[in-house]
Amino acid sequence: MCKIILGITNEIGNSQFKEYIVAQQEDLRAEKHGIGAAVLDDKNKWHVFRELTDYNSVFSKVYALLDKARVVSIHTRTATSGSINQANVHFFEKENWIFAHNGWITEYHKAIIGYSSGFFSKKVRQVSSL
């Protein structure tokens, strides 16, 4: 099982989403196999943070950007398949897309080896912490 939250605003500097994140921290921490966050700032720059165990680091980095954030998403993971390691911590990046998912993505192995000709045609590259 995983948890994901998403906030989108047109009002830069709105502190309401921080209150929501703080209220959800205990539930987010219940997923023990990694945390990732993606924040789109007011200059349309993505900031992606991924940690296997240091959840506080990710929360701190997100909070530091909230005053200028347009989009904030946090994903926590409990592994139901795949290894428990940094490489499987969401968010992932592919061709200027940043994504996470809940549940299983079918045919993922085909995406990794370049089977399909569409969006997932090349090996998925995962974003390093910024």
C-alpha atoms as a PDB file:
ATOM      1  CA  MET A   1       0.000   0.000   0.000  1.00  0.00           C
ATOM      2  CA  CYS A   2       1.146   3.536  -0.719  1.00  0.00           C
ATOM      3  CA  LYS A   3      -0.166   6.970   0.117  1.00  0.00           C
ATOM      4  CA  ILE A   4      -0.113  10.007  -2.119  1.00  0.00           C
ATOM      5  CA  ILE A   5      -1.322  13.551  -1.532  1.00  0.00           C
ATOM      6  CA  LEU A   6      -1.511  16.358  -4.069  1.00  0.00           C
ATOM      7  CA  GLY A   7      -2.109  20.075  -3.713  1.00  0.00           C
ATOM      8  CA  ILE A   8      -2.478  22.582  -6.543  1.00  0.00           C
ATOM      9  CA  THR A   9      -2.956  26.325  -6.074  1.00  0.00           C
ATOM     10  CA  ASN A  10      -3.216  29.527  -8.040  1.00  0.00           C
ATOM     11  CA  GLU A  11      -2.588  31.513  -4.855  1.00  0.00           C
ATOM     12  CA  ILE A  12       1.170  31.531  -4.231  1.00  0.00           C
ATOM     13  CA  GLY A  13       1.986  31.775  -0.533  1.00  0.00           C
ATOM     14  CA  ASN A  14      -1.200  30.055   0.651  1.00  0.00           C
ATOM     15  CA  SER A  15      -0.304  28.216   3.872  1.00  0.00           C
ATOM     16  CA  GLN A  16      -3.345  25.952   3.972  1.00  0.00           C
ATOM     17  CA  PHE A  17      -1.624  23.028   2.284  1.00  0.00           C
ATOM     18  CA  LYS A  18       1.111  22.979   4.941  1.00  0.00           C
ATOM     19  CA  GLU A  19      -1.598  22.493   7.563  1.00  0.00           C
ATOM     20  CA  TYR A  20      -2.926  19.572   5.544  1.00  0.00           C
ATOM     21  CA  ILE A  21       0.533  17.985   5.210  1.00  0.00           C
ATOM     22  CA  VAL A  22       1.200  18.358   8.934  1.00  0.00           C
ATOM     23  CA  ALA A  23      -2.148  16.708   9.671  1.00  0.00           C
ATOM     24  CA  GLN A  24      -1.247  13.807   7.351  1.00  0.00           C
ATOM     25  CA  GLN A  25       2.336  13.241   8.523  1.00  0.00           C
ATOM     26  CA  GLU A  26       1.553  10.369  10.874  1.00  0.00           C
ATOM     27  CA  ASP A  27      -0.336   8.485   8.170  1.00  0.00           C
ATOM     28  CA  LEU A  28       2.349   9.233   5.590  1.00  0.00           C
ATOM     29  CA  ARG A  29       5.057   7.943   7.947  1.00  0.00           C
ATOM     30  CA  ALA A  30       3.153   4.671   8.351  1.00  0.00           C
ATOM     31  CA  GLU A  31       4.406   3.640   4.913  1.00  0.00           C
ATOM     32  CA  LYS A  32       7.960   2.589   5.798  1.00  0.00           C
ATOM     33  CA  HIS A  33       9.739   1.991   2.491  1.00  0.00           C
ATOM     34  CA  GLY A  34      10.448   5.475   1.198  1.00  0.00           C
ATOM     35  CA  ILE A  35       9.144   8.993   0.715  1.00  0.00           C
ATOM     36  CA  GLY A  36       9.272  11.230  -2.303  1.00  0.00           C
ATOM     37  CA  ALA A  37       8.014  14.725  -2.989  1.00  0.00           C
ATOM     38  CA  ALA A  38       7.631  16.862  -6.077  1.00  0.00           C
ATOM     39  CA  VAL A  39       7.155  20.623  -5.855  1.00  0.00           C
ATOM     40  CA  LEU A  40       6.524  22.967  -8.779  1.00  0.00           C
ATOM     41  CA  ASP A  41       7.542  26.492  -7.808  1.00  0.00           C
ATOM     42  CA  ASP A  42       6.303  29.881  -8.995  1.00  0.00           C
ATOM     43  CA  LYS A  43       8.970  29.920 -11.746  1.00  0.00           C
ATOM     44  CA  ASN A  44       7.740  26.549 -13.088  1.00  0.00           C
ATOM     45  CA  LYS A  45      10.813  24.701 -11.826  1.00  0.00           C
ATOM     46  CA  TRP A  46      10.348  21.192 -10.431  1.00  0.00           C
ATOM     47  CA  HIS A  47      12.065  20.180  -7.204  1.00  0.00           C
ATOM     48  CA  VAL A  48      12.098  16.451  -6.480  1.00  0.00           C
ATOM     49  CA  PHE A  49      13.211  14.872  -3.213  1.00  0.00           C
ATOM     50  CA  ARG A  50      13.512  11.140  -2.529  1.00  0.00           C
ATOM     51  CA  GLU A  51      14.614   9.365   0.627  1.00  0.00           C
ATOM     52  CA  LEU A  52      14.450   5.764   1.737  1.00  0.00           C
ATOM     53  CA  THR A  53      14.389   6.464   5.478  1.00  0.00           C
ATOM     54  CA  ASP A  54      14.893  10.184   6.215  1.00  0.00           C
ATOM     55  CA  TYR A  55      11.281  11.359   6.020  1.00  0.00           C
ATOM     56  CA  ASN A  56      12.090  14.513   8.047  1.00  0.00           C
ATOM     57  CA  SER A  57      14.512  15.669   5.360  1.00  0.00           C
ATOM     58  CA  VAL A  58      11.827  15.487   2.670  1.00  0.00           C
ATOM     59  CA  PHE A  59       9.202  17.225   4.802  1.00  0.00           C
ATOM     60  CA  SER A  60      11.686  20.011   5.645  1.00  0.00           C
ATOM     61  CA  LYS A  61      12.574  20.583   1.995  1.00  0.00           C
ATOM     62  CA  VAL A  62       8.898  20.703   1.004  1.00  0.00           C
ATOM     63  CA  TYR A  63       8.063  23.165   3.800  1.00  0.00           C
ATOM     64  CA  ALA A  64      10.939  25.414   2.689  1.00  0.00           C
ATOM     65  CA  LEU A  65       9.363  25.702  -0.774  1.00  0.00           C
ATOM     66  CA  LEU A  66       5.697  26.031   0.175  1.00  0.00           C
ATOM     67  CA  ASP A  67       5.619  29.835   0.086  1.00  0.00           C
ATOM     68  CA  LYS A  68       6.335  29.754  -3.648  1.00  0.00           C
ATOM     69  CA  ALA A  69       4.751  26.423  -4.589  1.00  0.00           C
ATOM     70  CA  ARG A  70       2.096  25.946  -7.259  1.00  0.00           C
ATOM     71  CA  VAL A  71       1.964  22.139  -7.003  1.00  0.00           C
ATOM     72  CA  VAL A  72       3.011  19.874  -4.139  1.00  0.00           C
ATOM     73  CA  SER A  73       2.760  16.115  -4.072  1.00  0.00           C
ATOM     74  CA  ILE A  74       4.105  13.640  -1.527  1.00  0.00           C
ATOM     75  CA  HIS A  75       4.191   9.872  -2.002  1.00  0.00           C
ATOM     76  CA  THR A  76       5.092   7.284   0.632  1.00  0.00           C
ATOM     77  CA  ARG A  77       5.631   3.620  -0.089  1.00  0.00           C
ATOM     78  CA  THR A  78       5.146   0.264   1.532  1.00  0.00           C
ATOM     79  CA  ALA A  79       6.592  -2.284  -0.852  1.00  0.00           C
ATOM     80  CA  THR A  80       4.173  -4.901  -2.122  1.00  0.00           C
ATOM     81  CA  SER A  81       6.488  -5.766  -4.991  1.00  0.00           C
ATOM     82  CA  GLY A  82       9.946  -4.689  -6.009  1.00  0.00           C
ATOM     83  CA  SER A  83      12.964  -4.191  -3.811  1.00  0.00           C
ATOM     84  CA  ILE A  84      13.107  -1.867  -0.845  1.00  0.00           C
ATOM     85  CA  ASN A  85      15.761   0.553  -2.048  1.00  0.00           C
ATOM     86  CA  GLN A  86      16.306   4.145  -3.155  1.00  0.00           C
ATOM     87  CA  ALA A  87      15.704   3.268  -6.816  1.00  0.00           C
ATOM     88  CA  ASN A  88      12.080   2.335  -6.057  1.00  0.00           C
ATOM     89  CA  VAL A  89      11.239   5.487  -4.115  1.00  0.00           C
ATOM     90  CA  HIS A  90       8.860   7.684  -6.120  1.00  0.00           C
ATOM     91  CA  PHE A  91       8.889  10.291  -7.906  1.00  0.00           C
ATOM     92  CA  PHE A  92      10.233   9.235 -11.286  1.00  0.00           C
ATOM     93  CA  GLU A  93      11.038  11.341 -14.335  1.00  0.00           C
ATOM     94  CA  LYS A  94      10.605  10.524 -18.005  1.00  0.00           C
ATOM     95  CA  GLU A  95      10.845  13.025 -20.861  1.00  0.00           C
ATOM     96  CA  ASN A  96       9.975  16.102 -18.742  1.00  0.00           C
ATOM     97  CA  TRP A  97       7.215  14.261 -16.848  1.00  0.00           C
ATOM     98  CA  ILE A  98       7.421  13.628 -13.123  1.00  0.00           C
ATOM     99  CA  PHE A  99       5.232  10.839 -11.875  1.00  0.00           C
ATOM    100  CA  ALA A 100       4.324   8.484  -9.060  1.00  0.00           C
ATOM    101  CA  HIS A 101       1.685   5.807  -8.797  1.00  0.00           C
ATOM    102  CA  ASN A 102      -0.303   3.746  -6.345  1.00  0.00           C
ATOM    103  CA  GLY A 103      -0.726   0.068  -6.998  1.00  0.00           C
ATOM    104  CA  TRP A 104       1.028  -1.857  -9.713  1.00  0.00           C
ATOM    105  CA  ILE A 105       1.810  -0.674 -13.202  1.00  0.00           C
ATOM    106  CA  THR A 106       1.237  -3.602 -15.509  1.00  0.00           C
ATOM    107  CA  GLU A 107       3.697  -4.304 -18.281  1.00  0.00           C
ATOM    108  CA  TYR A 108       6.279  -2.205 -16.416  1.00  0.00           C
ATOM    109  CA  HIS A 109       9.023  -4.665 -17.370  1.00  0.00           C
ATOM    110  CA  LYS A 110       8.283  -3.937 -21.025  1.00  0.00           C
ATOM    111  CA  ALA A 111       8.660  -0.218 -20.369  1.00  0.00           C
ATOM    112  CA  ILE A 112      12.053  -0.735 -18.778  1.00  0.00           C
ATOM    113  CA  ILE A 113      13.451  -2.740 -21.702  1.00  0.00           C
ATOM    114  CA  GLY A 114      12.005  -0.439 -24.338  1.00  0.00           C
ATOM    115  CA  TYR A 115       9.263  -2.752 -25.603  1.00  0.00           C
ATOM    116  CA  SER A 116       6.602  -0.166 -26.344  1.00  0.00           C
ATOM    117  CA  SER A 117       6.904   2.678 -28.812  1.00  0.00           C
ATOM    118  CA  GLY A 118       5.096   5.338 -26.795  1.00  0.00           C
ATOM    119  CA  PHE A 119       5.691   7.313 -23.621  1.00  0.00           C
ATOM    120  CA  PHE A 120       7.571   4.506 -21.850  1.00  0.00           C
ATOM    121  CA  SER A 121       9.692   3.550 -24.855  1.00  0.00           C
ATOM    122  CA  LYS A 122      13.032   4.282 -23.210  1.00  0.00           C
ATOM    123  CA  LYS A 123      14.390   3.167 -19.883  1.00  0.00           C
ATOM    124  CA  VAL A 124      12.741   5.087 -17.065  1.00  0.00           C
ATOM    125  CA  ARG A 125      15.224   7.456 -15.486  1.00  0.00           C
ATOM    126  CA  GLN A 126      14.673   8.245 -11.860  1.00  0.00           C
ATOM    127  CA  VAL A 127      15.188  11.707 -10.459  1.00  0.00           C
ATOM    128  CA  SER A 128      17.978  12.240  -7.965  1.00  0.00           C
ATOM    129  CA  SER A 129      17.426  14.376  -4.903  1.00  0.00           C
ATOM    130  CA  LEU A 130      18.082  18.014  -5.699  1.00  0.00           C
END
